[in-house]
Full PDB file with SEQRES, HELIX, SHEET, SSBOND, CRYST1, ORIGX, SCALE, CONECT and MASTER records, all heavy atoms in Angstrom:
SEQRES   1 A   38  ALA ALA ASN VAL PHE ILE ARG SER GLY PHE LEU TRP ASP          
SEQRES   2 A   38  SER ALA ASP ALA TYR LEU PHE ASP ILE ASP GLY THR LEU          
SEQRES   3 A   38  LEU ASN SER ARG ASP PRO VAL HIS TYR PHE ALA PHE              
HELIX    1 AA1 VAL A   33  ALA A   37  1                                   5    
CRYST1    1.000    1.000    1.000  90.00  90.00  90.00 P 1           1          
ORIGX1      1.000000  0.000000  0.000000        0.00000                         
ORIGX2      0.000000  1.000000  0.000000        0.00000                         
ORIGX3      0.000000  0.000000  1.000000        0.00000                         
SCALE1      1.000000  0.000000  0.000000        0.00000                         
SCALE2      0.000000  1.000000  0.000000        0.00000                         
SCALE3      0.000000  0.000000  1.000000        0.00000                         
ATOM      1  N   ALA A   1       0.859  -1.176   0.000  1.00  0.00           N  
ATOM      2  CA  ALA A   1       0.000   0.000   0.000  1.00  0.00           C  
ATOM      3  C   ALA A   1       0.892   1.222   0.000  1.00  0.00           C  
ATOM      4  O   ALA A   1       2.120   1.115   0.094  1.00  0.00           O  
ATOM      5  CB  ALA A   1      -0.928  -0.010   1.228  1.00  0.00           C  
ATOM      6  N   ALA A   2       0.288   2.388  -0.095  1.00  0.00           N  
ATOM      7  CA  ALA A   2       1.066   3.619   0.003  1.00  0.00           C  
ATOM      8  C   ALA A   2       1.762   3.668   1.355  1.00  0.00           C  
ATOM      9  O   ALA A   2       1.165   3.364   2.389  1.00  0.00           O  
ATOM     10  CB  ALA A   2       0.145   4.820  -0.162  1.00  0.00           C  
ATOM     11  N   ASN A   3       3.029   4.031   1.353  1.00  0.00           N  
ATOM     12  CA  ASN A   3       3.827   4.127   2.577  1.00  0.00           C  
ATOM     13  C   ASN A   3       3.943   2.804   3.325  1.00  0.00           C  
ATOM     14  O   ASN A   3       4.080   2.787   4.554  1.00  0.00           O  
ATOM     15  CB  ASN A   3       3.264   5.206   3.506  1.00  0.00           C  
ATOM     16  CG  ASN A   3       3.490   6.599   2.963  1.00  0.00           C  
ATOM     17  OD1 ASN A   3       4.355   6.820   2.116  1.00  0.00           O  
ATOM     18  ND2 ASN A   3       2.711   7.553   3.433  1.00  0.00           N  
ATOM     19  N   VAL A   4       3.907   1.699   2.607  1.00  0.00           N  
ATOM     20  CA  VAL A   4       4.121   0.381   3.217  1.00  0.00           C  
ATOM     21  C   VAL A   4       4.972  -0.459   2.271  1.00  0.00           C  
ATOM     22  O   VAL A   4       4.552  -0.759   1.155  1.00  0.00           O  
ATOM     23  CB  VAL A   4       2.792  -0.356   3.495  1.00  0.00           C  
ATOM     24  CG1 VAL A   4       3.069  -1.770   4.014  1.00  0.00           C  
ATOM     25  CG2 VAL A   4       1.939   0.411   4.496  1.00  0.00           C  
ATOM     26  N   PHE A   5       6.170  -0.802   2.717  1.00  0.00           N  
ATOM     27  CA  PHE A   5       7.029  -1.724   1.981  1.00  0.00           C  
ATOM     28  C   PHE A   5       7.567  -2.767   2.943  1.00  0.00           C  
ATOM     29  O   PHE A   5       8.007  -2.444   4.041  1.00  0.00           O  
ATOM     30  CB  PHE A   5       8.194  -0.990   1.312  1.00  0.00           C  
ATOM     31  CG  PHE A   5       7.824  -0.313   0.027  1.00  0.00           C  
ATOM     32  CD1 PHE A   5       7.277   0.953   0.037  1.00  0.00           C  
ATOM     33  CD2 PHE A   5       8.008  -0.953  -1.192  1.00  0.00           C  
ATOM     34  CE1 PHE A   5       6.933   1.590  -1.142  1.00  0.00           C  
ATOM     35  CE2 PHE A   5       7.661  -0.325  -2.384  1.00  0.00           C  
ATOM     36  CZ  PHE A   5       7.116   0.951  -2.360  1.00  0.00           C  
ATOM     37  N   ILE A   6       7.509  -4.014   2.524  1.00  0.00           N  
ATOM     38  CA  ILE A   6       8.015  -5.111   3.340  1.00  0.00           C  
ATOM     39  C   ILE A   6       8.873  -5.998   2.450  1.00  0.00           C  
ATOM     40  O   ILE A   6       8.440  -6.376   1.359  1.00  0.00           O  
ATOM     41  CB  ILE A   6       6.860  -5.933   3.957  1.00  0.00           C  
ATOM     42  CG1 ILE A   6       5.959  -5.038   4.812  1.00  0.00           C  
ATOM     43  CG2 ILE A   6       7.409  -7.077   4.801  1.00  0.00           C  
ATOM     44  CD1 ILE A   6       4.724  -5.726   5.354  1.00  0.00           C  
ATOM     45  N   ARG A   7      10.057  -6.307   2.915  1.00  0.00           N  
ATOM     46  CA  ARG A   7      10.931  -7.170   2.138  1.00  0.00           C  
ATOM     47  C   ARG A   7      10.252  -8.513   1.919  1.00  0.00           C  
ATOM     48  O   ARG A   7       9.609  -9.059   2.836  1.00  0.00           O  
ATOM     49  CB  ARG A   7      12.261  -7.349   2.867  1.00  0.00           C  
ATOM     50  CG  ARG A   7      13.350  -8.004   2.022  1.00  0.00           C  
ATOM     51  CD  ARG A   7      14.610  -8.212   2.854  1.00  0.00           C  
ATOM     52  NE  ARG A   7      15.081  -6.970   3.457  1.00  0.00           N  
ATOM     53  CZ  ARG A   7      15.819  -6.068   2.833  1.00  0.00           C  
ATOM     54  NH1 ARG A   7      16.134  -6.242   1.562  1.00  0.00           N  
ATOM     55  NH2 ARG A   7      16.230  -4.987   3.463  1.00  0.00           N  
ATOM     56  N   SER A   8      10.379  -9.054   0.740  1.00  0.00           N  
ATOM     57  CA  SER A   8       9.749 -10.321   0.410  1.00  0.00           C  
ATOM     58  C   SER A   8      10.155 -11.407   1.408  1.00  0.00           C  
ATOM     59  O   SER A   8      11.339 -11.620   1.670  1.00  0.00           O  
ATOM     60  CB  SER A   8      10.149 -10.750  -1.006  1.00  0.00           C  
ATOM     61  OG  SER A   8       9.537 -11.965  -1.348  1.00  0.00           O  
ATOM     62  N   GLY A   9       9.164 -12.059   2.009  1.00  0.00           N  
ATOM     63  CA  GLY A   9       9.413 -13.124   2.971  1.00  0.00           C  
ATOM     64  C   GLY A   9       9.589 -12.669   4.403  1.00  0.00           C  
ATOM     65  O   GLY A   9       9.660 -13.511   5.311  1.00  0.00           O  
ATOM     66  N   PHE A  10       9.628 -11.365   4.636  1.00  0.00           N  
ATOM     67  CA  PHE A  10       9.816 -10.852   5.994  1.00  0.00           C  
ATOM     68  C   PHE A  10       8.449 -10.647   6.656  1.00  0.00           C  
ATOM     69  O   PHE A  10       7.589  -9.944   6.137  1.00  0.00           O  
ATOM     70  CB  PHE A  10      10.579  -9.530   5.970  1.00  0.00           C  
ATOM     71  CG  PHE A  10      10.784  -8.915   7.324  1.00  0.00           C  
ATOM     72  CD1 PHE A  10      11.663  -9.483   8.234  1.00  0.00           C  
ATOM     73  CD2 PHE A  10      10.105  -7.756   7.703  1.00  0.00           C  
ATOM     74  CE1 PHE A  10      11.853  -8.914   9.492  1.00  0.00           C  
ATOM     75  CE2 PHE A  10      10.296  -7.191   8.948  1.00  0.00           C  
ATOM     76  CZ  PHE A  10      11.170  -7.772   9.845  1.00  0.00           C  
ATOM     77  N   LEU A  11       8.264 -11.260   7.814  1.00  0.00           N  
ATOM     78  CA  LEU A  11       7.034 -11.102   8.587  1.00  0.00           C  
ATOM     79  C   LEU A  11       7.355 -10.197   9.768  1.00  0.00           C  
ATOM     80  O   LEU A  11       7.950 -10.631  10.751  1.00  0.00           O  
ATOM     81  CB  LEU A  11       6.511 -12.452   9.062  1.00  0.00           C  
ATOM     82  CG  LEU A  11       6.204 -13.477   7.961  1.00  0.00           C  
ATOM     83  CD1 LEU A  11       5.792 -14.809   8.574  1.00  0.00           C  
ATOM     84  CD2 LEU A  11       5.111 -12.948   7.033  1.00  0.00           C  
ATOM     85  N   TRP A  12       6.957  -8.946   9.671  1.00  0.00           N  
ATOM     86  CA  TRP A  12       7.412  -7.964  10.659  1.00  0.00           C  
ATOM     87  C   TRP A  12       6.889  -8.260  12.052  1.00  0.00           C  
ATOM     88  O   TRP A  12       7.513  -7.897  13.054  1.00  0.00           O  
ATOM     89  CB  TRP A  12       7.017  -6.551  10.234  1.00  0.00           C  
ATOM     90  CG  TRP A  12       5.609  -6.150  10.591  1.00  0.00           C  
ATOM     91  CD1 TRP A  12       4.530  -6.117   9.778  1.00  0.00           C  
ATOM     92  CD2 TRP A  12       5.143  -5.729  11.877  1.00  0.00           C  
ATOM     93  NE1 TRP A  12       3.420  -5.712  10.455  1.00  0.00           N  
ATOM     94  CE2 TRP A  12       3.768  -5.468  11.747  1.00  0.00           C  
ATOM     95  CE3 TRP A  12       5.748  -5.551  13.116  1.00  0.00           C  
ATOM     96  CZ2 TRP A  12       2.980  -5.046  12.822  1.00  0.00           C  
ATOM     97  CZ3 TRP A  12       4.969  -5.129  14.189  1.00  0.00           C  
ATOM     98  CH2 TRP A  12       3.607  -4.870  14.029  1.00  0.00           C  
ATOM     99  N   ASP A  13       5.748  -8.957  12.146  1.00  0.00           N  
ATOM    100  CA  ASP A  13       5.132  -9.192  13.460  1.00  0.00           C  
ATOM    101  C   ASP A  13       5.421 -10.590  14.004  1.00  0.00           C  
ATOM    102  O   ASP A  13       4.685 -11.081  14.876  1.00  0.00           O  
ATOM    103  CB  ASP A  13       3.621  -8.955  13.385  1.00  0.00           C  
ATOM    104  CG  ASP A  13       2.962  -9.769  12.277  1.00  0.00           C  
ATOM    105  OD1 ASP A  13       3.675 -10.378  11.474  1.00  0.00           O  
ATOM    106  OD2 ASP A  13       1.720  -9.789  12.214  1.00  0.00           O  
ATOM    107  N   SER A  14       6.498 -11.224  13.532  1.00  0.00           N  
ATOM    108  CA  SER A  14       6.782 -12.607  13.936  1.00  0.00           C  
ATOM    109  C   SER A  14       7.899 -12.725  14.962  1.00  0.00           C  
ATOM    110  O   SER A  14       8.271 -13.842  15.339  1.00  0.00           O  
ATOM    111  CB  SER A  14       7.163 -13.430  12.698  1.00  0.00           C  
ATOM    112  OG  SER A  14       8.374 -12.951  12.116  1.00  0.00           O  
ATOM    113  N   ALA A  15       8.459 -11.627  15.427  1.00  0.00           N  
ATOM    114  CA  ALA A  15       9.615 -11.691  16.329  1.00  0.00           C  
ATOM    115  C   ALA A  15       9.210 -12.096  17.740  1.00  0.00           C  
ATOM    116  O   ALA A  15       8.061 -11.929  18.166  1.00  0.00           O  
ATOM    117  CB  ALA A  15      10.331 -10.345  16.365  1.00  0.00           C  
ATOM    118  N   ASP A  16      10.189 -12.611  18.469  1.00  0.00           N  
ATOM    119  CA  ASP A  16       9.989 -12.917  19.889  1.00  0.00           C  
ATOM    120  C   ASP A  16      10.119 -11.652  20.739  1.00  0.00           C  
ATOM    121  O   ASP A  16       9.505 -11.550  21.808  1.00  0.00           O  
ATOM    122  CB  ASP A  16      11.036 -13.936  20.361  1.00  0.00           C  
ATOM    123  CG  ASP A  16      10.960 -15.240  19.592  1.00  0.00           C  
ATOM    124  OD1 ASP A  16       9.848 -15.792  19.462  1.00  0.00           O  
ATOM    125  OD2 ASP A  16      12.012 -15.707  19.115  1.00  0.00           O  
ATOM    126  N   ALA A  17      10.924 -10.709  20.263  1.00  0.00           N  
ATOM    127  CA  ALA A  17      11.167  -9.481  21.030  1.00  0.00           C  
ATOM    128  C   ALA A  17      11.318  -8.306  20.077  1.00  0.00           C  
ATOM    129  O   ALA A  17      11.751  -8.460  18.931  1.00  0.00           O  
ATOM    130  CB  ALA A  17      12.429  -9.624  21.882  1.00  0.00           C  
ATOM    131  N   TYR A  18      10.962  -7.127  20.576  1.00  0.00           N  
ATOM    132  CA  TYR A  18      11.076  -5.895  19.801  1.00  0.00           C  
ATOM    133  C   TYR A  18      11.793  -4.846  20.638  1.00  0.00           C  
ATOM    134  O   TYR A  18      11.456  -4.631  21.809  1.00  0.00           O  
ATOM    135  CB  TYR A  18       9.688  -5.372  19.404  1.00  0.00           C  
ATOM    136  CG  TYR A  18       8.977  -6.263  18.421  1.00  0.00           C  
ATOM    137  CD1 TYR A  18       8.245  -7.356  18.870  1.00  0.00           C  
ATOM    138  CD2 TYR A  18       9.052  -6.039  17.050  1.00  0.00           C  
ATOM    139  CE1 TYR A  18       7.617  -8.207  17.974  1.00  0.00           C  
ATOM    140  CE2 TYR A  18       8.413  -6.866  16.152  1.00  0.00           C  
ATOM    141  CZ  TYR A  18       7.696  -7.960  16.617  1.00  0.00           C  
ATOM    142  OH  TYR A  18       7.074  -8.794  15.725  1.00  0.00           O  
ATOM    143  N   LEU A  19      12.757  -4.196  20.017  1.00  0.00           N  
ATOM    144  CA  LEU A  19      13.450  -3.073  20.646  1.00  0.00           C  
ATOM    145  C   LEU A  19      13.025  -1.803  19.933  1.00  0.00           C  
ATOM    146  O   LEU A  19      13.224  -1.659  18.722  1.00  0.00           O  
ATOM    147  CB  LEU A  19      14.964  -3.242  20.543  1.00  0.00           C  
ATOM    148  CG  LEU A  19      15.564  -4.503  21.163  1.00  0.00           C  
ATOM    149  CD1 LEU A  19      17.065  -4.546  20.907  1.00  0.00           C  
ATOM    150  CD2 LEU A  19      15.287  -4.562  22.667  1.00  0.00           C  
ATOM    151  N   PHE A  20      12.444  -0.878  20.671  1.00  0.00           N  
ATOM    152  CA  PHE A  20      11.948   0.373  20.104  1.00  0.00           C  
ATOM    153  C   PHE A  20      12.865   1.531  20.455  1.00  0.00           C  
ATOM    154  O   PHE A  20      13.184   1.751  21.626  1.00  0.00           O  
ATOM    155  CB  PHE A  20      10.550   0.698  20.652  1.00  0.00           C  
ATOM    156  CG  PHE A  20       9.440  -0.124  20.070  1.00  0.00           C  
ATOM    157  CD1 PHE A  20       9.140  -1.373  20.585  1.00  0.00           C  
ATOM    158  CD2 PHE A  20       8.679   0.358  19.012  1.00  0.00           C  
ATOM    159  CE1 PHE A  20       8.106  -2.138  20.062  1.00  0.00           C  
ATOM    160  CE2 PHE A  20       7.637  -0.385  18.482  1.00  0.00           C  
ATOM    161  CZ  PHE A  20       7.349  -1.641  19.000  1.00  0.00           C  
ATOM    162  N   ASP A  21      13.262   2.277  19.432  1.00  0.00           N  
ATOM    163  CA  ASP A  21      13.809   3.600  19.676  1.00  0.00           C  
ATOM    164  C   ASP A  21      12.691   4.439  20.316  1.00  0.00           C  
ATOM    165  O   ASP A  21      11.505   4.106  20.175  1.00  0.00           O  
ATOM    166  CB  ASP A  21      14.264   4.209  18.344  1.00  0.00           C  
ATOM    167  CG  ASP A  21      14.667   5.658  18.465  1.00  0.00           C  
ATOM    168  OD1 ASP A  21      15.520   5.965  19.306  1.00  0.00           O  
ATOM    169  OD2 ASP A  21      14.099   6.484  17.726  1.00  0.00           O  
ATOM    170  N   ILE A  22      13.047   5.512  20.979  1.00  0.00           N  
ATOM    171  CA  ILE A  22      12.023   6.309  21.669  1.00  0.00           C  
ATOM    172  C   ILE A  22      11.647   7.548  20.861  1.00  0.00           C  
ATOM    173  O   ILE A  22      10.541   7.642  20.332  1.00  0.00           O  
ATOM    174  CB  ILE A  22      12.503   6.704  23.083  1.00  0.00           C  
ATOM    175  CG1 ILE A  22      12.644   5.446  23.956  1.00  0.00           C  
ATOM    176  CG2 ILE A  22      11.504   7.680  23.730  1.00  0.00           C  
ATOM    177  CD1 ILE A  22      13.165   5.716  25.365  1.00  0.00           C  
ATOM    178  N   ASP A  23      12.572   8.496  20.734  1.00  0.00           N  
ATOM    179  CA  ASP A  23      12.251   9.783  20.105  1.00  0.00           C  
ATOM    180  C   ASP A  23      12.046   9.629  18.599  1.00  0.00           C  
ATOM    181  O   ASP A  23      12.920   9.130  17.886  1.00  0.00           O  
ATOM    182  CB  ASP A  23      13.366  10.792  20.375  1.00  0.00           C  
ATOM    183  CG  ASP A  23      13.511  11.094  21.857  1.00  0.00           C  
ATOM    184  OD1 ASP A  23      12.556  11.590  22.451  1.00  0.00           O  
ATOM    185  OD2 ASP A  23      14.594  10.807  22.416  1.00  0.00           O  
ATOM    186  N   GLY A  24      10.892  10.053  18.135  1.00  0.00           N  
ATOM    187  CA  GLY A  24      10.571   9.972  16.728  1.00  0.00           C  
ATOM    188  C   GLY A  24       9.978   8.646  16.318  1.00  0.00           C  
ATOM    189  O   GLY A  24       9.442   8.524  15.216  1.00  0.00           O  
ATOM    190  N   THR A  25      10.061   7.651  17.185  1.00  0.00           N  
ATOM    191  CA  THR A  25       9.533   6.316  16.890  1.00  0.00           C  
ATOM    192  C   THR A  25       8.294   6.039  17.730  1.00  0.00           C  
ATOM    193  O   THR A  25       7.207   5.804  17.204  1.00  0.00           O  
ATOM    194  CB  THR A  25      10.601   5.239  17.149  1.00  0.00           C  
ATOM    195  OG1 THR A  25      11.731   5.482  16.308  1.00  0.00           O  
ATOM    196  CG2 THR A  25      10.051   3.851  16.866  1.00  0.00           C  
ATOM    197  N   LEU A  26       8.462   6.064  19.037  1.00  0.00           N  
ATOM    198  CA  LEU A  26       7.322   5.880  19.938  1.00  0.00           C  
ATOM    199  C   LEU A  26       6.622   7.199  20.227  1.00  0.00           C  
ATOM    200  O   LEU A  26       5.388   7.243  20.343  1.00  0.00           O  
ATOM    201  CB  LEU A  26       7.787   5.260  21.258  1.00  0.00           C  
ATOM    202  CG  LEU A  26       8.196   3.790  21.221  1.00  0.00           C  
ATOM    203  CD1 LEU A  26       8.841   3.399  22.537  1.00  0.00           C  
ATOM    204  CD2 LEU A  26       6.996   2.893  20.918  1.00  0.00           C  
ATOM    205  N   LEU A  27       7.407   8.256  20.343  1.00  0.00           N  
ATOM    206  CA  LEU A  27       6.839   9.540  20.762  1.00  0.00           C  
ATOM    207  C   LEU A  27       7.695  10.685  20.266  1.00  0.00           C  
ATOM    208  O   LEU A  27       8.832  10.503  19.835  1.00  0.00           O  
ATOM    209  CB  LEU A  27       6.718   9.579  22.291  1.00  0.00           C  
ATOM    210  CG  LEU A  27       8.009   9.334  23.102  1.00  0.00           C  
ATOM    211  CD1 LEU A  27       8.814  10.603  23.309  1.00  0.00           C  
ATOM    212  CD2 LEU A  27       7.678   8.700  24.434  1.00  0.00           C  
ATOM    213  N   ASN A  28       7.145  11.853  20.334  1.00  0.00           N  
ATOM    214  CA  ASN A  28       7.883  13.092  20.073  1.00  0.00           C  
ATOM    215  C   ASN A  28       7.725  14.009  21.281  1.00  0.00           C  
ATOM    216  O   ASN A  28       6.616  14.165  21.809  1.00  0.00           O  
ATOM    217  CB  ASN A  28       7.369  13.787  18.815  1.00  0.00           C  
ATOM    218  CG  ASN A  28       7.826  13.091  17.550  1.00  0.00           C  
ATOM    219  OD1 ASN A  28       9.015  13.048  17.248  1.00  0.00           O  
ATOM    220  ND2 ASN A  28       6.892  12.518  16.792  1.00  0.00           N  
ATOM    221  N   SER A  29       8.828  14.575  21.734  1.00  0.00           N  
ATOM    222  CA  SER A  29       8.805  15.459  22.895  1.00  0.00           C  
ATOM    223  C   SER A  29       8.721  16.910  22.421  1.00  0.00           C  
ATOM    224  O   SER A  29       9.680  17.434  21.850  1.00  0.00           O  
ATOM    225  CB  SER A  29      10.059  15.253  23.747  1.00  0.00           C  
ATOM    226  OG  SER A  29      10.093  13.944  24.272  1.00  0.00           O  
ATOM    227  N   ARG A  30       7.581  17.538  22.639  1.00  0.00           N  
ATOM    228  CA  ARG A  30       7.396  18.933  22.231  1.00  0.00           C  
ATOM    229  C   ARG A  30       7.855  19.913  23.302  1.00  0.00           C  
ATOM    230  O   ARG A  30       8.022  21.098  23.041  1.00  0.00           O  
ATOM    231  CB  ARG A  30       5.922  19.179  21.910  1.00  0.00           C  
ATOM    232  CG  ARG A  30       5.316  18.211  20.912  1.00  0.00           C  
ATOM    233  CD  ARG A  30       6.035  18.215  19.587  1.00  0.00           C  
ATOM    234  NE  ARG A  30       5.384  17.348  18.606  1.00  0.00           N  
ATOM    235  CZ  ARG A  30       5.911  17.015  17.448  1.00  0.00           C  
ATOM    236  NH1 ARG A  30       7.098  17.475  17.107  1.00  0.00           N  
ATOM    237  NH2 ARG A  30       5.255  16.211  16.614  1.00  0.00           N  
ATOM    238  N   ASP A  31       8.065  19.410  24.526  1.00  0.00           N  
ATOM    239  CA  ASP A  31       8.507  20.279  25.613  1.00  0.00           C  
ATOM    240  C   ASP A  31      10.026  20.420  25.571  1.00  0.00           C  
ATOM    241  O   ASP A  31      10.718  19.619  24.936  1.00  0.00           O  
ATOM    242  CB  ASP A  31       8.073  19.679  26.955  1.00  0.00           C  
ATOM    243  CG  ASP A  31       8.698  18.311  27.185  1.00  0.00           C  
ATOM    244  OD1 ASP A  31       9.864  18.247  27.622  1.00  0.00           O  
ATOM    245  OD2 ASP A  31       8.032  17.288  26.876  1.00  0.00           O  
ATOM    246  N   PRO A  32      10.574  21.424  26.257  1.00  0.00           N  
ATOM    247  CA  PRO A  32      12.029  21.660  26.212  1.00  0.00           C  
ATOM    248  C   PRO A  32      12.810  21.036  27.370  1.00  0.00           C  
ATOM    249  O   PRO A  32      13.977  21.385  27.567  1.00  0.00           O  
ATOM    250  CB  PRO A  32      12.112  23.185  26.276  1.00  0.00           C  
ATOM    251  CG  PRO A  32      10.973  23.568  27.181  1.00  0.00           C  
ATOM    252  CD  PRO A  32       9.873  22.564  26.900  1.00  0.00           C  
ATOM    253  N   VAL A  33      12.209  20.141  28.141  1.00  0.00           N  
ATOM    254  CA  VAL A  33      12.862  19.650  29.358  1.00  0.00           C  
ATOM    255  C   VAL A  33      14.197  18.973  29.046  1.00  0.00           C  
ATOM    256  O   VAL A  33      15.229  19.293  29.651  1.00  0.00           O  
ATOM    257  CB  VAL A  33      11.920  18.686  30.122  1.00  0.00           C  
ATOM    258  CG1 VAL A  33      12.676  18.018  31.274  1.00  0.00           C  
ATOM    259  CG2 VAL A  33      10.706  19.432  30.659  1.00  0.00           C  
ATOM    260  N   HIS A  34      14.197  18.047  28.131  1.00  0.00           N  
ATOM    261  CA  HIS A  34      15.430  17.340  27.776  1.00  0.00           C  
ATOM    262  C   HIS A  34      16.439  18.305  27.149  1.00  0.00           C  
ATOM    263  O   HIS A  34      17.635  18.280  27.472  1.00  0.00           O  
ATOM    264  CB  HIS A  34      15.080  16.198  26.812  1.00  0.00           C  
ATOM    265  CG  HIS A  34      16.197  15.235  26.552  1.00  0.00           C  
ATOM    266  ND1 HIS A  34      16.129  14.265  25.575  1.00  0.00           N  
ATOM    267  CD2 HIS A  34      17.421  15.076  27.123  1.00  0.00           C  
ATOM    268  CE1 HIS A  34      17.231  13.563  25.560  1.00  0.00           C  
ATOM    269  NE2 HIS A  34      18.040  14.034  26.493  1.00  0.00           N  
ATOM    270  N   TYR A  35      15.973  19.151  26.279  1.00  0.00           N  
ATOM    271  CA  TYR A  35      16.809  20.142  25.589  1.00  0.00           C  
ATOM    272  C   TYR A  35      17.522  21.050  26.592  1.00  0.00           C  
ATOM    273  O   TYR A  35      18.737  21.262  26.518  1.00  0.00           O  
ATOM    274  CB  TYR A  35      15.915  20.934  24.648  1.00  0.00           C  
ATOM    275  CG  TYR A  35      16.548  22.105  23.939  1.00  0.00           C  
ATOM    276  CD1 TYR A  35      17.427  21.918  22.871  1.00  0.00           C  
ATOM    277  CD2 TYR A  35      16.223  23.411  24.314  1.00  0.00           C  
ATOM    278  CE1 TYR A  35      17.982  23.007  22.198  1.00  0.00           C  
ATOM    279  CE2 TYR A  35      16.770  24.500  23.652  1.00  0.00           C  
ATOM    280  CZ  TYR A  35      17.650  24.287  22.597  1.00  0.00           C  
ATOM    281  OH  TYR A  35      18.188  25.367  21.935  1.00  0.00           O  
ATOM    282  N   PHE A  36      16.771  21.587  27.546  1.00  0.00           N  
ATOM    283  CA  PHE A  36      17.372  22.483  28.536  1.00  0.00           C  
ATOM    284  C   PHE A  36      18.352  21.751  29.452  1.00  0.00           C  
ATOM    285  O   PHE A  36      19.291  22.362  29.975  1.00  0.00           O  
ATOM    286  CB  PHE A  36      16.280  23.149  29.376  1.00  0.00           C  
ATOM    287  CG  PHE A  36      15.535  24.245  28.656  1.00  0.00           C  
ATOM    288  CD1 PHE A  36      14.287  24.658  29.107  1.00  0.00           C  
ATOM    289  CD2 PHE A  36      16.064  24.859  27.533  1.00  0.00           C  
ATOM    290  CE1 PHE A  36      13.588  25.670  28.452  1.00  0.00           C  
ATOM    291  CE2 PHE A  36      15.377  25.863  26.866  1.00  0.00           C  
ATOM    292  CZ  PHE A  36      14.138  26.270  27.332  1.00  0.00           C  
ATOM    293  N   ALA A  37      18.146  20.440  29.658  1.00  0.00           N  
ATOM    294  CA  ALA A  37      19.038  19.684  30.536  1.00  0.00           C  
ATOM    295  C   ALA A  37      20.454  19.623  29.965  1.00  0.00           C  
ATOM    296  O   ALA A  37      21.436  19.642  30.723  1.00  0.00           O  
ATOM    297  CB  ALA A  37      18.492  18.277  30.752  1.00  0.00           C  
ATOM    298  N   PHE A  38      20.581  19.551  28.648  1.00  0.00           N  
ATOM    299  CA  PHE A  38      21.914  19.609  28.035  1.00  0.00           C  
ATOM    300  C   PHE A  38      22.616  20.909  28.415  1.00  0.00           C  
ATOM    301  O   PHE A  38      23.783  20.917  28.818  1.00  0.00           O  
ATOM    302  CB  PHE A  38      21.802  19.538  26.507  1.00  0.00           C  
ATOM    303  CG  PHE A  38      21.525  18.178  25.949  1.00  0.00           C  
ATOM    304  CD1 PHE A  38      20.249  17.841  25.528  1.00  0.00           C  
ATOM    305  CD2 PHE A  38      22.539  17.236  25.835  1.00  0.00           C  
ATOM    306  CE1 PHE A  38      19.995  16.589  24.986  1.00  0.00           C  
ATOM    307  CE2 PHE A  38      22.289  15.976  25.296  1.00  0.00           C  
ATOM    308  CZ  PHE A  38      21.006  15.649  24.869  1.00  0.00           C  
TER     309      PHE A  38                                                      
MASTER        0    0    0    1    0    0    0    6  308    1    0    3          
END                                                                             
């Protein structure tokens, strides 16, 4: 479909475990808390 590509033979939902990046993947931080901490 539009904006969906899967390598032939790859089942994306078949893994035993998933490691997720946080920023930009799970969530976006609109507040400046992390930014100001630097």
